[in-house]
Amino acid sequence: MTGIGNRVMGFTLIGILYFILCAHAPAEERAIPTLSVNFNGTISDTIKKATPVVADHIQFVEGKDDKGILLDKNAFVSFDTKEIIDAKRGAIEFWFKPDWNINEDSTRFLVTDNRQHFRILKSKWSTIGLQMFTDDWKGGLNIFVTSPEWKAGTWHYVKADWDIEGETVLTVDDKTVKGWFTMGASKFTFGTRLNLGGVKIAGNEQSEAGGVMDDLKVFKYTDE
């Protein structure tokens, strides 16, 4: 076979191999923002212009970037989860400036769903955590980050990135902790509302967030 023939065959084999590899390559996972609220004088979503289904006692104050929303004991904001939350795989991130110190003896709920199956919270044990519970409360996930640097008036970054069939990661500032969901024969269902602030749970008199939130984002994941 001539040199030209060898080169043609080589290019053909490379092309076939490339096609096979591409056809069988795993799809790359990509995070798609489904909700983005910067709180710069508005509580509307900047992606779809959606507004909360509930918005009580809203106050805009100095934020991390421009304005933020004050989540005191009276404030309450709730978004419909139907179009923005994937219970199986998703993420929520935001910035938060507490008006409390991490070592106070109380529990603070920063973000929850209305079924209390999903919680991002400050525990009374001076940790920031993510809790997820199955519908029958028999399984789920509890992961916490020790964050002694959380003090009143300081900004902090929080991201919960969950996968109920894989690895879930909680990021608090520059710290991360990983965990795996325990399902058993049960299932996990996200509530119909995503709540910010004003959450009262029996036995937790100071359960409201107590601080300023900024740059809230929610993500779904897609394989492409």
C-alpha atoms as a PDB file:
ATOM      1  CA  MET A   1       0.000   0.000   0.000  1.00  0.00           C
ATOM      2  CA  THR A   2       1.293   3.441  -0.872  1.00  0.00           C
ATOM      3  CA  GLY A   3       2.135   6.096   1.671  1.00  0.00           C
ATOM      4  CA  ILE A   4      -0.949   8.059   0.626  1.00  0.00           C
ATOM      5  CA  GLY A   5      -3.094   4.954   1.079  1.00  0.00           C
ATOM      6  CA  ASN A   6      -1.685   4.386   4.558  1.00  0.00           C
ATOM      7  CA  ARG A   7      -2.416   7.975   5.532  1.00  0.00           C
ATOM      8  CA  VAL A   8      -5.991   7.774   4.201  1.00  0.00           C
ATOM      9  CA  MET A   9      -6.610   4.536   6.084  1.00  0.00           C
ATOM     10  CA  GLY A  10      -5.070   6.067   9.215  1.00  0.00           C
ATOM     11  CA  PHE A  11      -7.352   9.108   9.007  1.00  0.00           C
ATOM     12  CA  THR A  12     -10.354   6.822   8.429  1.00  0.00           C
ATOM     13  CA  LEU A  13      -9.558   4.688  11.462  1.00  0.00           C
ATOM     14  CA  ILE A  14      -9.038   7.785  13.593  1.00  0.00           C
ATOM     15  CA  GLY A  15     -12.379   9.133  12.428  1.00  0.00           C
ATOM     16  CA  ILE A  16     -14.142   5.872  13.248  1.00  0.00           C
ATOM     17  CA  LEU A  17     -12.482   5.696  16.673  1.00  0.00           C
ATOM     18  CA  TYR A  18     -13.409   9.323  17.399  1.00  0.00           C
ATOM     19  CA  PHE A  19     -17.039   8.615  16.442  1.00  0.00           C
ATOM     20  CA  ILE A  20     -17.178   5.553  18.693  1.00  0.00           C
ATOM     21  CA  LEU A  21     -15.664   7.365  21.650  1.00  0.00           C
ATOM     22  CA  CYS A  22     -17.944  10.380  21.256  1.00  0.00           C
ATOM     23  CA  ALA A  23     -21.019   8.210  20.850  1.00  0.00           C
ATOM     24  CA  HIS A  24     -20.261   6.362  24.088  1.00  0.00           C
ATOM     25  CA  ALA A  25     -18.782   9.201  26.127  1.00  0.00           C
ATOM     26  CA  PRO A  26     -20.752   9.985  29.280  1.00  0.00           C
ATOM     27  CA  ALA A  27     -22.844  13.155  29.074  1.00  0.00           C
ATOM     28  CA  GLU A  28     -21.388  16.123  30.891  1.00  0.00           C
ATOM     29  CA  GLU A  29     -23.468  17.347  33.803  1.00  0.00           C
ATOM     30  CA  ARG A  30     -24.288  21.042  33.740  1.00  0.00           C
ATOM     31  CA  ALA A  31     -25.935  23.256  36.367  1.00  0.00           C
ATOM     32  CA  ILE A  32     -28.795  25.369  35.010  1.00  0.00           C
ATOM     33  CA  PRO A  33     -29.982  28.316  37.158  1.00  0.00           C
ATOM     34  CA  THR A  34     -33.740  28.174  37.716  1.00  0.00           C
ATOM     35  CA  LEU A  35     -34.053  31.002  40.242  1.00  0.00           C
ATOM     36  CA  SER A  36     -31.868  34.050  40.820  1.00  0.00           C
ATOM     37  CA  VAL A  37     -32.798  36.853  43.213  1.00  0.00           C
ATOM     38  CA  ASN A  38     -30.342  39.678  43.912  1.00  0.00           C
ATOM     39  CA  PHE A  39     -32.679  41.565  46.309  1.00  0.00           C
ATOM     40  CA  ASN A  40     -31.619  44.912  44.843  1.00  0.00           C
ATOM     41  CA  GLY A  41     -34.906  46.564  45.746  1.00  0.00           C
ATOM     42  CA  THR A  42     -36.944  43.609  44.436  1.00  0.00           C
ATOM     43  CA  ILE A  43     -37.759  40.052  45.409  1.00  0.00           C
ATOM     44  CA  SER A  44     -38.536  39.028  41.835  1.00  0.00           C
ATOM     45  CA  ASP A  45     -36.535  36.365  40.043  1.00  0.00           C
ATOM     46  CA  THR A  46     -34.190  37.860  37.422  1.00  0.00           C
ATOM     47  CA  ILE A  47     -34.405  34.764  35.165  1.00  0.00           C
ATOM     48  CA  LYS A  48     -38.137  34.287  34.586  1.00  0.00           C
ATOM     49  CA  LYS A  49     -39.348  37.404  36.411  1.00  0.00           C
ATOM     50  CA  ALA A  50     -41.277  35.144  38.779  1.00  0.00           C
ATOM     51  CA  THR A  51     -42.437  36.606  42.073  1.00  0.00           C
ATOM     52  CA  PRO A  52     -42.776  34.841  45.453  1.00  0.00           C
ATOM     53  CA  VAL A  53     -46.138  33.353  46.341  1.00  0.00           C
ATOM     54  CA  VAL A  54     -45.748  34.916  49.795  1.00  0.00           C
ATOM     55  CA  ALA A  55     -43.792  38.057  50.724  1.00  0.00           C
ATOM     56  CA  ASP A  56     -44.469  39.570  54.148  1.00  0.00           C
ATOM     57  CA  HIS A  57     -42.709  42.415  55.999  1.00  0.00           C
ATOM     58  CA  ILE A  58     -40.044  42.893  53.324  1.00  0.00           C
ATOM     59  CA  GLN A  59     -37.181  45.260  54.103  1.00  0.00           C
ATOM     60  CA  PHE A  60     -34.219  45.927  51.834  1.00  0.00           C
ATOM     61  CA  VAL A  61     -31.007  46.875  53.614  1.00  0.00           C
ATOM     62  CA  GLU A  62     -27.318  47.094  52.762  1.00  0.00           C
ATOM     63  CA  GLY A  63     -26.300  43.805  51.166  1.00  0.00           C
ATOM     64  CA  LYS A  64     -23.121  42.164  50.049  1.00  0.00           C
ATOM     65  CA  ASP A  65     -23.695  43.533  46.553  1.00  0.00           C
ATOM     66  CA  ASP A  66     -25.924  46.607  46.595  1.00  0.00           C
ATOM     67  CA  LYS A  67     -29.043  45.614  48.570  1.00  0.00           C
ATOM     68  CA  GLY A  68     -30.025  42.501  50.522  1.00  0.00           C
ATOM     69  CA  ILE A  69     -33.181  41.323  52.275  1.00  0.00           C
ATOM     70  CA  LEU A  70     -33.558  41.485  56.047  1.00  0.00           C
ATOM     71  CA  LEU A  71     -34.856  38.183  57.420  1.00  0.00           C
ATOM     72  CA  ASP A  72     -35.923  39.144  60.929  1.00  0.00           C
ATOM     73  CA  LYS A  73     -38.660  37.515  63.025  1.00  0.00           C
ATOM     74  CA  ASN A  74     -41.417  39.153  60.950  1.00  0.00           C
ATOM     75  CA  ALA A  75     -40.088  38.685  57.396  1.00  0.00           C
ATOM     76  CA  PHE A  76     -41.209  35.717  55.316  1.00  0.00           C
ATOM     77  CA  VAL A  77     -40.622  34.924  51.640  1.00  0.00           C
ATOM     78  CA  SER A  78     -41.844  31.778  49.894  1.00  0.00           C
ATOM     79  CA  PHE A  79     -41.291  30.614  46.289  1.00  0.00           C
ATOM     80  CA  ASP A  80     -43.211  27.925  44.417  1.00  0.00           C
ATOM     81  CA  THR A  81     -40.854  24.975  43.933  1.00  0.00           C
ATOM     82  CA  LYS A  82     -42.673  23.418  40.965  1.00  0.00           C
ATOM     83  CA  GLU A  83     -40.508  24.960  38.247  1.00  0.00           C
ATOM     84  CA  ILE A  84     -37.282  25.529  40.179  1.00  0.00           C
ATOM     85  CA  ILE A  85     -36.527  22.489  42.359  1.00  0.00           C
ATOM     86  CA  ASP A  86     -35.523  18.974  41.358  1.00  0.00           C
ATOM     87  CA  ALA A  87     -35.806  16.842  44.469  1.00  0.00           C
ATOM     88  CA  LYS A  88     -33.431  14.232  43.069  1.00  0.00           C
ATOM     89  CA  ARG A  89     -30.573  16.545  42.031  1.00  0.00           C
ATOM     90  CA  GLY A  90     -30.103  20.266  42.574  1.00  0.00           C
ATOM     91  CA  ALA A  91     -28.350  23.065  44.405  1.00  0.00           C
ATOM     92  CA  ILE A  92     -29.092  26.219  46.381  1.00  0.00           C
ATOM     93  CA  GLU A  93     -26.554  28.949  47.148  1.00  0.00           C
ATOM     94  CA  PHE A  94     -26.664  32.353  48.859  1.00  0.00           C
ATOM     95  CA  TRP A  95     -24.761  34.851  50.972  1.00  0.00           C
ATOM     96  CA  PHE A  96     -25.838  35.502  54.551  1.00  0.00           C
ATOM     97  CA  LYS A  97     -24.892  38.040  57.229  1.00  0.00           C
ATOM     98  CA  PRO A  98     -26.182  36.921  60.650  1.00  0.00           C
ATOM     99  CA  ASP A  99     -27.190  39.259  63.437  1.00  0.00           C
ATOM    100  CA  TRP A 100     -26.111  36.560  65.889  1.00  0.00           C
ATOM    101  CA  ASN A 101     -22.897  34.780  66.851  1.00  0.00           C
ATOM    102  CA  ILE A 102     -22.454  31.110  65.982  1.00  0.00           C
ATOM    103  CA  ASN A 103     -22.141  30.070  69.648  1.00  0.00           C
ATOM    104  CA  GLU A 104     -25.584  31.300  70.714  1.00  0.00           C
ATOM    105  CA  ASP A 105     -27.718  28.534  72.217  1.00  0.00           C
ATOM    106  CA  SER A 106     -30.458  28.435  69.590  1.00  0.00           C
ATOM    107  CA  THR A 107     -31.383  26.978  66.213  1.00  0.00           C
ATOM    108  CA  ARG A 108     -31.814  29.231  63.154  1.00  0.00           C
ATOM    109  CA  PHE A 109     -33.450  28.065  59.942  1.00  0.00           C
ATOM    110  CA  LEU A 110     -32.036  29.954  56.953  1.00  0.00           C
ATOM    111  CA  VAL A 111     -33.812  28.058  54.140  1.00  0.00           C
ATOM    112  CA  THR A 112     -36.466  25.346  54.415  1.00  0.00           C
ATOM    113  CA  ASP A 113     -39.254  23.777  52.443  1.00  0.00           C
ATOM    114  CA  ASN A 114     -42.792  23.884  53.791  1.00  0.00           C
ATOM    115  CA  ARG A 115     -42.755  20.158  54.636  1.00  0.00           C
ATOM    116  CA  GLN A 116     -39.536  20.505  56.654  1.00  0.00           C
ATOM    117  CA  HIS A 117     -37.956  17.786  54.528  1.00  0.00           C
ATOM    118  CA  PHE A 118     -35.183  20.194  53.525  1.00  0.00           C
ATOM    119  CA  ARG A 119     -33.371  22.541  55.915  1.00  0.00           C
ATOM    120  CA  ILE A 120     -30.293  24.740  55.804  1.00  0.00           C
ATOM    121  CA  LEU A 121     -29.742  25.841  59.374  1.00  0.00           C
ATOM    122  CA  LYS A 122     -27.521  27.043  62.171  1.00  0.00           C
ATOM    123  CA  SER A 123     -27.683  24.505  64.993  1.00  0.00           C
ATOM    124  CA  LYS A 124     -27.458  25.256  68.705  1.00  0.00           C
ATOM    125  CA  TRP A 125     -24.165  23.325  68.641  1.00  0.00           C
ATOM    126  CA  SER A 126     -22.427  26.125  66.706  1.00  0.00           C
ATOM    127  CA  THR A 127     -22.542  24.454  63.288  1.00  0.00           C
ATOM    128  CA  ILE A 128     -24.048  25.229  59.892  1.00  0.00           C
ATOM    129  CA  GLY A 129     -25.883  22.245  58.469  1.00  0.00           C
ATOM    130  CA  LEU A 130     -27.988  20.636  55.782  1.00  0.00           C
ATOM    131  CA  GLN A 131     -30.789  18.276  56.756  1.00  0.00           C
ATOM    132  CA  MET A 132     -32.887  16.250  54.315  1.00  0.00           C
ATOM    133  CA  PHE A 133     -35.565  13.809  55.457  1.00  0.00           C
ATOM    134  CA  THR A 134     -37.505  11.120  53.614  1.00  0.00           C
ATOM    135  CA  ASP A 135     -41.287  11.382  53.448  1.00  0.00           C
ATOM    136  CA  ASP A 136     -41.699   8.908  56.322  1.00  0.00           C
ATOM    137  CA  TRP A 137     -38.865  10.512  58.346  1.00  0.00           C
ATOM    138  CA  LYS A 138     -37.035   7.178  58.518  1.00  0.00           C
ATOM    139  CA  GLY A 139     -34.076   8.158  56.335  1.00  0.00           C
ATOM    140  CA  GLY A 140     -32.274  11.127  54.885  1.00  0.00           C
ATOM    141  CA  LEU A 141     -29.100  13.095  55.428  1.00  0.00           C
ATOM    142  CA  ASN A 142     -27.500  15.224  58.169  1.00  0.00           C
ATOM    143  CA  ILE A 143     -24.223  17.011  57.431  1.00  0.00           C
ATOM    144  CA  PHE A 144     -22.730  19.931  59.371  1.00  0.00           C
ATOM    145  CA  VAL A 145     -19.761  22.275  59.129  1.00  0.00           C
ATOM    146  CA  THR A 146     -18.109  23.786  62.210  1.00  0.00           C
ATOM    147  CA  SER A 147     -17.857  27.526  61.557  1.00  0.00           C
ATOM    148  CA  PRO A 148     -16.504  29.452  64.578  1.00  0.00           C
ATOM    149  CA  GLU A 149     -15.864  32.493  62.359  1.00  0.00           C
ATOM    150  CA  TRP A 150     -19.601  33.165  61.978  1.00  0.00           C
ATOM    151  CA  LYS A 151     -20.148  36.342  63.961  1.00  0.00           C
ATOM    152  CA  ALA A 152     -22.799  39.031  63.882  1.00  0.00           C
ATOM    153  CA  GLY A 153     -22.275  41.464  60.996  1.00  0.00           C
ATOM    154  CA  THR A 154     -20.001  39.224  58.864  1.00  0.00           C
ATOM    155  CA  TRP A 155     -20.848  37.867  55.399  1.00  0.00           C
ATOM    156  CA  HIS A 156     -20.708  34.129  54.679  1.00  0.00           C
ATOM    157  CA  TYR A 157     -21.284  31.920  51.646  1.00  0.00           C
ATOM    158  CA  VAL A 158     -23.461  28.794  51.790  1.00  0.00           C
ATOM    159  CA  LYS A 159     -24.165  26.212  49.092  1.00  0.00           C
ATOM    160  CA  ALA A 160     -26.070  22.937  49.356  1.00  0.00           C
ATOM    161  CA  ASP A 161     -25.516  20.664  46.340  1.00  0.00           C
ATOM    162  CA  TRP A 162     -27.550  17.482  46.700  1.00  0.00           C
ATOM    163  CA  ASP A 163     -27.856  14.198  44.869  1.00  0.00           C
ATOM    164  CA  ILE A 164     -30.072  11.657  46.610  1.00  0.00           C
ATOM    165  CA  GLU A 165     -28.545   8.864  44.525  1.00  0.00           C
ATOM    166  CA  GLY A 166     -24.957  10.058  44.873  1.00  0.00           C
ATOM    167  CA  GLU A 167     -22.765  12.491  46.758  1.00  0.00           C
ATOM    168  CA  THR A 168     -24.200  15.553  48.495  1.00  0.00           C
ATOM    169  CA  VAL A 169     -21.891  18.465  49.319  1.00  0.00           C
ATOM    170  CA  LEU A 170     -22.408  21.316  51.776  1.00  0.00           C
ATOM    171  CA  THR A 171     -20.067  24.275  51.301  1.00  0.00           C
ATOM    172  CA  VAL A 172     -19.757  26.950  53.984  1.00  0.00           C
ATOM    173  CA  ASP A 173     -17.234  29.651  53.079  1.00  0.00           C
ATOM    174  CA  ASP A 174     -14.035  27.714  52.307  1.00  0.00           C
ATOM    175  CA  LYS A 175     -15.106  24.504  54.053  1.00  0.00           C
ATOM    176  CA  THR A 176     -16.909  21.523  52.570  1.00  0.00           C
ATOM    177  CA  VAL A 177     -18.448  18.391  53.993  1.00  0.00           C
ATOM    178  CA  LYS A 178     -19.862  15.459  52.035  1.00  0.00           C
ATOM    179  CA  GLY A 179     -22.574  12.939  52.769  1.00  0.00           C
ATOM    180  CA  TRP A 180     -24.761  10.277  51.208  1.00  0.00           C
ATOM    181  CA  PHE A 181     -28.530  10.071  51.388  1.00  0.00           C
ATOM    182  CA  THR A 182     -30.055   7.064  53.186  1.00  0.00           C
ATOM    183  CA  MET A 183     -33.266   6.149  51.415  1.00  0.00           C
ATOM    184  CA  GLY A 184     -34.163   2.538  52.134  1.00  0.00           C
ATOM    185  CA  ALA A 185     -37.645   1.724  50.859  1.00  0.00           C
ATOM    186  CA  SER A 186     -38.837   5.296  51.316  1.00  0.00           C
ATOM    187  CA  LYS A 187     -38.700   8.296  49.006  1.00  0.00           C
ATOM    188  CA  PHE A 188     -37.765  11.957  49.221  1.00  0.00           C
ATOM    189  CA  THR A 189     -40.229  14.639  48.157  1.00  0.00           C
ATOM    190  CA  PHE A 190     -39.398  18.330  48.216  1.00  0.00           C
ATOM    191  CA  GLY A 191     -42.181  20.544  49.557  1.00  0.00           C
ATOM    192  CA  THR A 192     -44.284  22.822  47.363  1.00  0.00           C
ATOM    193  CA  ARG A 193     -42.702  25.978  48.816  1.00  0.00           C
ATOM    194  CA  LEU A 194     -39.136  27.164  49.354  1.00  0.00           C
ATOM    195  CA  ASN A 195     -39.115  29.392  52.440  1.00  0.00           C
ATOM    196  CA  LEU A 196     -36.732  32.156  53.498  1.00  0.00           C
ATOM    197  CA  GLY A 197     -36.929  33.538  57.030  1.00  0.00           C
ATOM    198  CA  GLY A 198     -39.812  33.681  59.476  1.00  0.00           C
ATOM    199  CA  VAL A 199     -39.875  29.912  59.954  1.00  0.00           C
ATOM    200  CA  LYS A 200     -41.286  28.812  63.296  1.00  0.00           C
ATOM    201  CA  ILE A 201     -40.857  25.188  64.329  1.00  0.00           C
ATOM    202  CA  ALA A 202     -42.214  23.830  67.606  1.00  0.00           C
ATOM    203  CA  GLY A 203     -39.639  24.034  70.365  1.00  0.00           C
ATOM    204  CA  ASN A 204     -37.492  26.641  68.598  1.00  0.00           C
ATOM    205  CA  GLU A 205     -38.565  30.101  69.715  1.00  0.00           C
ATOM    206  CA  GLN A 206     -35.675  31.785  67.878  1.00  0.00           C
ATOM    207  CA  SER A 207     -35.895  29.677  64.751  1.00  0.00           C
ATOM    208  CA  GLU A 208     -36.146  32.587  62.311  1.00  0.00           C
ATOM    209  CA  ALA A 209     -33.050  33.249  60.185  1.00  0.00           C
ATOM    210  CA  GLY A 210     -32.092  36.515  61.864  1.00  0.00           C
ATOM    211  CA  GLY A 211     -29.864  38.331  59.375  1.00  0.00           C
ATOM    212  CA  VAL A 212     -29.486  39.590  55.818  1.00  0.00           C
ATOM    213  CA  MET A 213     -29.580  37.365  52.726  1.00  0.00           C
ATOM    214  CA  ASP A 214     -28.176  38.284  49.317  1.00  0.00           C
ATOM    215  CA  ASP A 215     -27.699  36.708  45.868  1.00  0.00           C
ATOM    216  CA  LEU A 216     -29.942  33.665  46.226  1.00  0.00           C
ATOM    217  CA  LYS A 217     -29.684  31.116  43.394  1.00  0.00           C
ATOM    218  CA  VAL A 218     -31.271  27.722  42.743  1.00  0.00           C
ATOM    219  CA  PHE A 219     -29.997  25.229  40.163  1.00  0.00           C
ATOM    220  CA  LYS A 220     -31.172  22.107  38.378  1.00  0.00           C
ATOM    221  CA  TYR A 221     -28.761  19.753  36.637  1.00  0.00           C
ATOM    222  CA  THR A 222     -28.932  18.499  33.092  1.00  0.00           C
ATOM    223  CA  ASP A 223     -26.841  15.996  31.161  1.00  0.00           C
ATOM    224  CA  GLU A 224     -25.548  17.312  27.837  1.00  0.00           C
END
